[in-house]
PDB file of N, CA and C in Angstrom:
ATOM      1  N   MET A   1     199.438 336.864 102.440  1.00  0.00           N
ATOM      2  CA  MET A   1     199.802 338.133 103.028  1.00  0.00           C
ATOM      3  C   MET A   1     198.604 339.069 102.927  1.00  0.00           C
ATOM      4  N   ALA A   2     198.306 339.798 103.977  1.00  0.00           N
ATOM      5  CA  ALA A   2     197.187 340.740 104.002  1.00  0.00           C
ATOM      6  C   ALA A   2     197.640 342.089 103.487  1.00  0.00           C
ATOM      7  N   ARG A   3     196.755 342.751 102.742  1.00  0.00           N
ATOM      8  CA  ARG A   3     197.053 344.118 102.323  1.00  0.00           C
ATOM      9  C   ARG A   3     195.868 344.986 102.701  1.00  0.00           C
ATOM     10  N   PHE A   4     196.140 346.185 103.177  1.00  0.00           N
ATOM     11  CA  PHE A   4     195.104 347.094 103.641  1.00  0.00           C
ATOM     12  C   PHE A   4     194.732 348.046 102.523  1.00  0.00           C
ATOM     13  N   ILE A   5     193.423 348.190 102.287  1.00  0.00           N
ATOM     14  CA  ILE A   5     192.914 349.082 101.256  1.00  0.00           C
ATOM     15  C   ILE A   5     191.869 349.971 101.912  1.00  0.00           C
ATOM     16  N   SER A   6     192.097 351.265 101.912  1.00  0.00           N
ATOM     17  CA  SER A   6     191.180 352.187 102.570  1.00  0.00           C
ATOM     18  C   SER A   6     190.019 352.535 101.650  1.00  0.00           C
ATOM     19  N   SER A   7     188.814 352.591 102.197  1.00  0.00           N
ATOM     20  CA  SER A   7     187.637 353.001 101.427  1.00  0.00           C
ATOM     21  C   SER A   7     186.694 353.769 102.356  1.00  0.00           C
ATOM     22  N   GLY A   8     187.131 354.947 102.825  1.00  0.00           N
ATOM     23  CA  GLY A   8     186.297 355.735 103.728  1.00  0.00           C
ATOM     24  C   GLY A   8     186.400 355.218 105.142  1.00  0.00           C
ATOM     25  N   LYS A   9     185.248 355.044 105.805  1.00  0.00           N
ATOM     26  CA  LYS A   9     185.282 354.578 107.190  1.00  0.00           C
ATOM     27  C   LYS A   9     185.404 353.062 107.299  1.00  0.00           C
ATOM     28  N   TRP A  10     185.426 352.370 106.181  1.00  0.00           N
ATOM     29  CA  TRP A  10     185.630 350.930 106.172  1.00  0.00           C
ATOM     30  C   TRP A  10     187.064 350.626 105.753  1.00  0.00           C
ATOM     31  N   LYS A  11     187.660 349.657 106.383  1.00  0.00           N
ATOM     32  CA  LYS A  11     188.972 349.155 105.971  1.00  0.00           C
ATOM     33  C   LYS A  11     188.766 347.753 105.431  1.00  0.00           C
ATOM     34  N   ARG A  12     189.490 347.434 104.367  1.00  0.00           N
ATOM     35  CA  ARG A  12     189.401 346.112 103.766  1.00  0.00           C
ATOM     36  C   ARG A  12     190.750 345.419 103.875  1.00  0.00           C
ATOM     37  N   VAL A  13     190.717 344.180 104.313  1.00  0.00           N
ATOM     38  CA  VAL A  13     191.915 343.353 104.375  1.00  0.00           C
ATOM     39  C   VAL A  13     191.663 342.173 103.441  1.00  0.00           C
ATOM     40  N   GLN A  14     192.536 342.037 102.439  1.00  0.00           N
ATOM     41  CA  GLN A  14     192.367 340.928 101.510  1.00  0.00           C
ATOM     42  C   GLN A  14     192.769 339.634 102.198  1.00  0.00           C
ATOM     43  N   ILE A  15     191.931 338.613 102.009  1.00  0.00           N
ATOM     44  CA  ILE A  15     192.169 337.295 102.576  1.00  0.00           C
ATOM     45  C   ILE A  15     192.702 336.399 101.462  1.00  0.00           C
ATOM     46  N   GLY A  16     193.923 335.933 101.598  1.00  0.00           N
ATOM     47  CA  GLY A  16     194.526 335.086 100.578  1.00  0.00           C
ATOM     48  C   GLY A  16     194.889 335.879  99.335  1.00  0.00           C
ATOM     49  N   SER A  17     195.146 335.180  98.260  1.00  0.00           N
ATOM     50  CA  SER A  17     195.519 335.832  97.007  1.00  0.00           C
ATOM     51  C   SER A  17     194.348 335.774  96.036  1.00  0.00           C
ATOM     52  N   ASP A  18     194.424 336.606  94.995  1.00  0.00           N
ATOM     53  CA  ASP A  18     193.408 336.583  93.955  1.00  0.00           C
ATOM     54  C   ASP A  18     193.418 335.226  93.256  1.00  0.00           C
ATOM     55  N   LYS A  19     192.242 334.791  92.856  1.00  0.00           N
ATOM     56  CA  LYS A  19     192.104 333.560  92.089  1.00  0.00           C
ATOM     57  C   LYS A  19     191.336 333.895  90.809  1.00  0.00           C
ATOM     58  N   THR A  20     191.432 333.061  89.800  1.00  0.00           N
ATOM     59  CA  THR A  20     190.683 333.288  88.573  1.00  0.00           C
ATOM     60  C   THR A  20     189.851 332.059  88.232  1.00  0.00           C
ATOM     61  N   TYR A  21     188.707 332.330  87.607  1.00  0.00           N
ATOM     62  CA  TYR A  21     187.807 331.273  87.155  1.00  0.00           C
ATOM     63  C   TYR A  21     187.045 331.808  85.959  1.00  0.00           C
ATOM     64  N   ARG A  22     187.152 331.140  84.833  1.00  0.00           N
ATOM     65  CA  ARG A  22     186.446 331.481  83.596  1.00  0.00           C
ATOM     66  C   ARG A  22     186.641 332.952  83.201  1.00  0.00           C
ATOM     67  N   GLY A  23     187.855 333.457  83.403  1.00  0.00           N
ATOM     68  CA  GLY A  23     188.174 334.818  82.999  1.00  0.00           C
ATOM     69  C   GLY A  23     187.861 335.878  84.038  1.00  0.00           C
ATOM     70  N   TRP A  24     187.279 335.501  85.164  1.00  0.00           N
ATOM     71  CA  TRP A  24     186.941 336.434  86.241  1.00  0.00           C
ATOM     72  C   TRP A  24     187.971 336.323  87.357  1.00  0.00           C
ATOM     73  N   THR A  25     188.357 337.449  87.931  1.00  0.00           N
ATOM     74  CA  THR A  25     189.271 337.467  89.068  1.00  0.00           C
ATOM     75  C   THR A  25     188.432 337.488  90.347  1.00  0.00           C
ATOM     76  N   ILE A  26     188.775 336.618  91.287  1.00  0.00           N
ATOM     77  CA  ILE A  26     188.039 336.479  92.549  1.00  0.00           C
ATOM     78  C   ILE A  26     188.917 336.996  93.682  1.00  0.00           C
ATOM     79  N   SER A  27     188.370 337.929  94.469  1.00  0.00           N
ATOM     80  CA  SER A  27     189.053 338.435  95.662  1.00  0.00           C
ATOM     81  C   SER A  27     188.094 338.340  96.836  1.00  0.00           C
ATOM     82  N   ILE A  28     188.617 337.963  97.994  1.00  0.00           N
ATOM     83  CA  ILE A  28     187.807 337.917  99.214  1.00  0.00           C
ATOM     84  C   ILE A  28     188.439 338.861 100.225  1.00  0.00           C
ATOM     85  N   PHE A  29     187.599 339.712 100.820  1.00  0.00           N
ATOM     86  CA  PHE A  29     188.050 340.714 101.775  1.00  0.00           C
ATOM     87  C   PHE A  29     187.308 340.579 103.088  1.00  0.00           C
ATOM     88  N   LEU A  30     187.980 340.947 104.174  1.00  0.00           N
ATOM     89  CA  LEU A  30     187.325 341.192 105.451  1.00  0.00           C
ATOM     90  C   LEU A  30     187.152 342.692 105.533  1.00  0.00           C
ATOM     91  N   LYS A  31     185.899 343.151 105.614  1.00  0.00           N
ATOM     92  CA  LYS A  31     185.623 344.584 105.711  1.00  0.00           C
ATOM     93  C   LYS A  31     185.311 344.917 107.170  1.00  0.00           C
ATOM     94  N   MET A  32     186.036 345.904 107.706  1.00  0.00           N
ATOM     95  CA  MET A  32     185.865 346.301 109.105  1.00  0.00           C
ATOM     96  C   MET A  32     185.480 347.772 109.158  1.00  0.00           C
ATOM     97  N   GLU A  33     184.441 348.068 109.923  1.00  0.00           N
ATOM     98  CA  GLU A  33     184.016 349.450 110.086  1.00  0.00           C
ATOM     99  C   GLU A  33     184.864 350.099 111.176  1.00  0.00           C
ATOM    100  N   LEU A  34     185.426 351.255 110.877  1.00  0.00           N
ATOM    101  CA  LEU A  34     186.287 351.947 111.822  1.00  0.00           C
ATOM    102  C   LEU A  34     185.634 353.255 112.268  1.00  0.00           C
ATOM    103  N   ASP A  35     185.689 353.503 113.536  1.00  0.00           N
ATOM    104  CA  ASP A  35     185.171 354.742 114.109  1.00  0.00           C
ATOM    105  C   ASP A  35     186.169 355.180 115.175  1.00  0.00           C
ATOM    106  N   LYS A  36     186.748 356.360 115.022  1.00  0.00           N
ATOM    107  CA  LYS A  36     187.792 356.779 115.955  1.00  0.00           C
ATOM    108  C   LYS A  36     187.258 357.117 117.336  1.00  0.00           C
ATOM    109  N   PHE A  37     185.935 357.206 117.505  1.00  0.00           N
ATOM    110  CA  PHE A  37     185.355 357.552 118.801  1.00  0.00           C
ATOM    111  C   PHE A  37     184.768 356.348 119.541  1.00  0.00           C
ATOM    112  N   VAL A  38     184.505 355.252 118.828  1.00  0.00           N
ATOM    113  CA  VAL A  38     183.844 354.088 119.429  1.00  0.00           C
ATOM    114  C   VAL A  38     184.565 352.828 118.969  1.00  0.00           C
ATOM    115  N   LEU A  39     184.813 351.911 119.892  1.00  0.00           N
ATOM    116  CA  LEU A  39     185.333 350.608 119.496  1.00  0.00           C
ATOM    117  C   LEU A  39     184.188 349.848 118.835  1.00  0.00           C
ATOM    118  N   ASN A  40     184.377 349.445 117.618  1.00  0.00           N
ATOM    119  CA  ASN A  40     183.302 348.853 116.848  1.00  0.00           C
ATOM    120  C   ASN A  40     183.743 347.491 116.319  1.00  0.00           C
ATOM    121  N   THR A  41     182.859 346.516 116.394  1.00  0.00           N
ATOM    122  CA  THR A  41     183.181 345.188 115.885  1.00  0.00           C
ATOM    123  C   THR A  41     182.360 344.847 114.640  1.00  0.00           C
ATOM    124  N   ASN A  42     181.773 345.844 113.997  1.00  0.00           N
ATOM    125  CA  ASN A  42     180.977 345.590 112.805  1.00  0.00           C
ATOM    126  C   ASN A  42     181.902 345.203 111.653  1.00  0.00           C
ATOM    127  N   SER A  43     181.832 343.963 111.222  1.00  0.00           N
ATOM    128  CA  SER A  43     182.675 343.502 110.129  1.00  0.00           C
ATOM    129  C   SER A  43     181.955 342.386 109.390  1.00  0.00           C
ATOM    130  N   HIS A  44     182.372 342.156 108.165  1.00  0.00           N
ATOM    131  CA  HIS A  44     181.823 341.070 107.362  1.00  0.00           C
ATOM    132  C   HIS A  44     182.811 340.722 106.251  1.00  0.00           C
ATOM    133  N   PHE A  45     182.621 339.537 105.690  1.00  0.00           N
ATOM    134  CA  PHE A  45     183.427 339.120 104.554  1.00  0.00           C
ATOM    135  C   PHE A  45     182.707 339.498 103.269  1.00  0.00           C
ATOM    136  N   GLN A  46     183.480 339.903 102.273  1.00  0.00           N
ATOM    137  CA  GLN A  46     182.914 340.301 100.995  1.00  0.00           C
ATOM    138  C   GLN A  46     183.722 339.663  99.877  1.00  0.00           C
ATOM    139  N   ALA A  47     183.017 339.181  98.861  1.00  0.00           N
ATOM    140  CA  ALA A  47     183.671 338.652  97.664  1.00  0.00           C
ATOM    141  C   ALA A  47     183.514 339.677  96.555  1.00  0.00           C
ATOM    142  N   GLU A  48     184.547 339.821  95.746  1.00  0.00           N
ATOM    143  CA  GLU A  48     184.479 340.693  94.580  1.00  0.00           C
ATOM    144  C   GLU A  48     184.918 339.900  93.363  1.00  0.00           C
ATOM    145  N   LEU A  49     184.124 340.018  92.309  1.00  0.00           N
ATOM    146  CA  LEU A  49     184.415 339.376  91.036  1.00  0.00           C
ATOM    147  C   LEU A  49     184.704 340.479  90.040  1.00  0.00           C
ATOM    148  N   GLN A  50     185.813 340.385  89.329  1.00  0.00           N
ATOM    149  CA  GLN A  50     186.188 341.443  88.404  1.00  0.00           C
ATOM    150  C   GLN A  50     186.616 340.865  87.065  1.00  0.00           C
ATOM    151  N   LYS A  51     186.123 341.518  86.009  1.00  0.00           N
ATOM    152  CA  LYS A  51     186.537 341.181  84.649  1.00  0.00           C
ATOM    153  C   LYS A  51     186.558 342.488  83.878  1.00  0.00           C
ATOM    154  N   GLY A  52     187.746 342.937  83.523  1.00  0.00           N
ATOM    155  CA  GLY A  52     187.867 344.236  82.862  1.00  0.00           C
ATOM    156  C   GLY A  52     187.429 345.341  83.807  1.00  0.00           C
ATOM    157  N   ASN A  53     186.515 346.191  83.337  1.00  0.00           N
ATOM    158  CA  ASN A  53     186.006 347.291  84.165  1.00  0.00           C
ATOM    159  C   ASN A  53     184.760 346.920  84.948  1.00  0.00           C
ATOM    160  N   VAL A  54     184.314 345.677  84.852  1.00  0.00           N
ATOM    161  CA  VAL A  54     183.095 345.224  85.529  1.00  0.00           C
ATOM    162  C   VAL A  54     183.470 344.577  86.858  1.00  0.00           C
ATOM    163  N   VAL A  55     182.823 345.043  87.939  1.00  0.00           N
ATOM    164  CA  VAL A  55     183.068 344.479  89.273  1.00  0.00           C
ATOM    165  C   VAL A  55     181.725 344.157  89.917  1.00  0.00           C
ATOM    166  N   HIS A  56     181.588 342.941  90.425  1.00  0.00           N
ATOM    167  CA  HIS A  56     180.417 342.523  91.184  1.00  0.00           C
ATOM    168  C   HIS A  56     180.893 342.195  92.595  1.00  0.00           C
ATOM    169  N   GLY A  57     180.276 342.812  93.606  1.00  0.00           N
ATOM    170  CA  GLY A  57     180.627 342.542  94.996  1.00  0.00           C
ATOM    171  C   GLY A  57     179.406 342.092  95.772  1.00  0.00           C
ATOM    172  N   PHE A  58     179.609 341.194  96.728  1.00  0.00           N
ATOM    173  CA  PHE A  58     178.504 340.728  97.560  1.00  0.00           C
ATOM    174  C   PHE A  58     179.045 340.195  98.877  1.00  0.00           C
ATOM    175  N   HIS A  59     178.199 340.281  99.918  1.00  0.00           N
ATOM    176  CA  HIS A  59     178.578 339.794 101.249  1.00  0.00           C
ATOM    177  C   HIS A  59     178.514 338.278 101.290  1.00  0.00           C
ATOM    178  N   LEU A  60     179.382 337.705 102.084  1.00  0.00           N
ATOM    179  CA  LEU A  60     179.348 336.275 102.361  1.00  0.00           C
ATOM    180  C   LEU A  60     178.720 336.073 103.733  1.00  0.00           C
ATOM    181  N   ASP A  61     177.945 335.012 103.876  1.00  0.00           N
ATOM    182  CA  ASP A  61     177.241 334.750 105.137  1.00  0.00           C
ATOM    183  C   ASP A  61     178.210 334.430 106.261  1.00  0.00           C
ATOM    184  N   ARG A  62     177.868 334.900 107.458  1.00  0.00           N
ATOM    185  CA  ARG A  62     178.664 334.565 108.644  1.00  0.00           C
ATOM    186  C   ARG A  62     178.584 333.069 108.911  1.00  0.00           C
ATOM    187  N   GLY A  63     179.690 332.492 109.305  1.00  0.00           N
ATOM    188  CA  GLY A  63     179.727 331.073 109.636  1.00  0.00           C
ATOM    189  C   GLY A  63     179.772 330.163 108.424  1.00  0.00           C
ATOM    190  N   GLN A  64     179.831 330.743 107.236  1.00  0.00           N
ATOM    191  CA  GLN A  64     179.874 329.945 106.014  1.00  0.00           C
ATOM    192  C   GLN A  64     181.257 329.320 105.857  1.00  0.00           C
ATOM    193  N   ARG A  65     181.297 328.063 105.461  1.00  0.00           N
ATOM    194  CA  ARG A  65     182.585 327.417 105.213  1.00  0.00           C
ATOM    195  C   ARG A  65     183.189 327.988 103.939  1.00  0.00           C
ATOM    196  N   LEU A  66     184.509 328.045 103.880  1.00  0.00           N
ATOM    197  CA  LEU A  66     185.196 328.604 102.725  1.00  0.00           C
ATOM    198  C   LEU A  66     184.845 327.834 101.452  1.00  0.00           C
ATOM    199  N   LEU A  67     184.756 326.516 101.547  1.00  0.00           N
ATOM    200  CA  LEU A  67     184.395 325.701 100.387  1.00  0.00           C
ATOM    201  C   LEU A  67     183.008 326.092  99.873  1.00  0.00           C
ATOM    202  N   ASP A  68     182.055 326.292 100.780  1.00  0.00           N
ATOM    203  CA  ASP A  68     180.705 326.704 100.375  1.00  0.00           C
ATOM    204  C   ASP A  68     180.716 328.087  99.747  1.00  0.00           C
ATOM    205  N   ALA A  69     181.541 328.983 100.286  1.00  0.00           N
ATOM    206  CA  ALA A  69     181.647 330.332  99.723  1.00  0.00           C
ATOM    207  C   ALA A  69     182.181 330.267  98.293  1.00  0.00           C
ATOM    208  N   TYR A  70     183.204 329.475  98.060  1.00  0.00           N
ATOM    209  CA  TYR A  70     183.748 329.358  96.708  1.00  0.00           C
ATOM    210  C   TYR A  70     182.750 328.692  95.762  1.00  0.00           C
ATOM    211  N   ASN A  71     181.989 327.718  96.234  1.00  0.00           N
ATOM    212  CA  ASN A  71     180.960 327.110  95.384  1.00  0.00           C
ATOM    213  C   ASN A  71     179.926 328.158  94.969  1.00  0.00           C
ATOM    214  N   LEU A  72     179.525 329.023  95.905  1.00  0.00           N
ATOM    215  CA  LEU A  72     178.589 330.108  95.599  1.00  0.00           C
ATOM    216  C   LEU A  72     179.204 331.063  94.576  1.00  0.00           C
ATOM    217  N   ILE A  73     180.464 331.401  94.761  1.00  0.00           N
ATOM    218  CA  ILE A  73     181.162 332.303  93.842  1.00  0.00           C
ATOM    219  C   ILE A  73     181.228 331.683  92.446  1.00  0.00           C
ATOM    220  N   PHE A  74     181.566 330.407  92.354  1.00  0.00           N
ATOM    221  CA  PHE A  74     181.652 329.738  91.050  1.00  0.00           C
ATOM    222  C   PHE A  74     180.282 329.717  90.362  1.00  0.00           C
ATOM    223  N   GLU A  75     179.205 329.504  91.133  1.00  0.00           N
ATOM    224  CA  GLU A  75     177.854 329.523  90.560  1.00  0.00           C
ATOM    225  C   GLU A  75     177.523 330.904  90.001  1.00  0.00           C
ATOM    226  N   LYS A  76     177.879 331.960  90.746  1.00  0.00           N
ATOM    227  CA  LYS A  76     177.626 333.320  90.268  1.00  0.00           C
ATOM    228  C   LYS A  76     178.402 333.608  88.986  1.00  0.00           C
ATOM    229  N   ILE A  77     179.646 333.167  88.935  1.00  0.00           N
ATOM    230  CA  ILE A  77     180.443 333.378  87.724  1.00  0.00           C
ATOM    231  C   ILE A  77     179.846 332.599  86.560  1.00  0.00           C
ATOM    232  N   ASP A  78     179.402 331.367  86.789  1.00  0.00           N
ATOM    233  CA  ASP A  78     178.771 330.585  85.721  1.00  0.00           C
ATOM    234  C   ASP A  78     177.564 331.329  85.154  1.00  0.00           C
ATOM    235  N   LYS A  79     176.752 331.948  86.015  1.00  0.00           N
ATOM    236  CA  LYS A  79     175.587 332.719  85.557  1.00  0.00           C
ATOM    237  C   LYS A  79     176.022 333.948  84.765  1.00  0.00           C
ATOM    238  N   LEU A  80     177.086 334.622  85.223  1.00  0.00           N
ATOM    239  CA  LEU A  80     177.589 335.791  84.491  1.00  0.00           C
ATOM    240  C   LEU A  80     178.098 335.399  83.109  1.00  0.00           C
ATOM    241  N   VAL A  81     178.767 334.259  83.013  1.00  0.00           N
ATOM    242  CA  VAL A  81     179.269 333.782  81.721  1.00  0.00           C
ATOM    243  C   VAL A  81     178.100 333.422  80.803  1.00  0.00           C
ATOM    244  N   GLU A  82     177.054 332.789  81.356  1.00  0.00           N
ATOM    245  CA  GLU A  82     175.865 332.465  80.555  1.00  0.00           C
ATOM    246  C   GLU A  82     175.241 333.754  80.004  1.00  0.00           C
ATOM    247  N   GLU A  83     175.148 334.805  80.827  1.00  0.00           N
ATOM    248  CA  GLU A  83     174.605 336.088  80.363  1.00  0.00           C
ATOM    249  C   GLU A  83     175.471 336.674  79.256  1.00  0.00           C
ATOM    250  N   GLU A  84     176.805 336.571  79.392  1.00  0.00           N
ATOM    251  CA  GLU A  84     177.708 337.056  78.352  1.00  0.00           C
ATOM    252  C   GLU A  84     177.476 336.330  77.025  1.00  0.00           C
ATOM    253  N   ILE A  85     177.285 335.027  77.110  1.00  0.00           N
ATOM    254  CA  ILE A  85     177.068 334.220  75.899  1.00  0.00           C
ATOM    255  C   ILE A  85     175.744 334.615  75.246  1.00  0.00           C
ATOM    256  N   LYS A  86     174.696 334.841  76.034  1.00  0.00           N
ATOM    257  CA  LYS A  86     173.388 335.235  75.487  1.00  0.00           C
ATOM    258  C   LYS A  86     173.465 336.574  74.770  1.00  0.00           C
ATOM    259  N   ARG A  87     174.273 337.512  75.309  1.00  0.00           N
ATOM    260  CA  ARG A  87     174.395 338.836  74.703  1.00  0.00           C
ATOM    261  C   ARG A  87     175.240 338.826  73.438  1.00  0.00           C
ATOM    262  N   ALA A  88     176.087 337.811  73.298  1.00  0.00           N
ATOM    263  CA  ALA A  88     177.001 337.770  72.133  1.00  0.00           C
ATOM    264  C   ALA A  88     176.298 337.300  70.870  1.00  0.00           C
TER     265      ALA A  88
END
């Protein structure tokens, strides 16, 4: 089910449900730029990783397969976990 989240002139539609991996919550959004005066097709997919109050967001490449996107997300989370371990 899609849910709409307003953030200024951009609208975000969540794609699928949240997933978790190694303590991080994964959300994927379609971000669409809205302009009430011009029909605009500027949009992109964005992944957000959240753990507690820490949020990392990044764009996903156009034409990327979902499996490849999740592999990239898992790699980023693995690096974040390695950094957490080094700081501990």
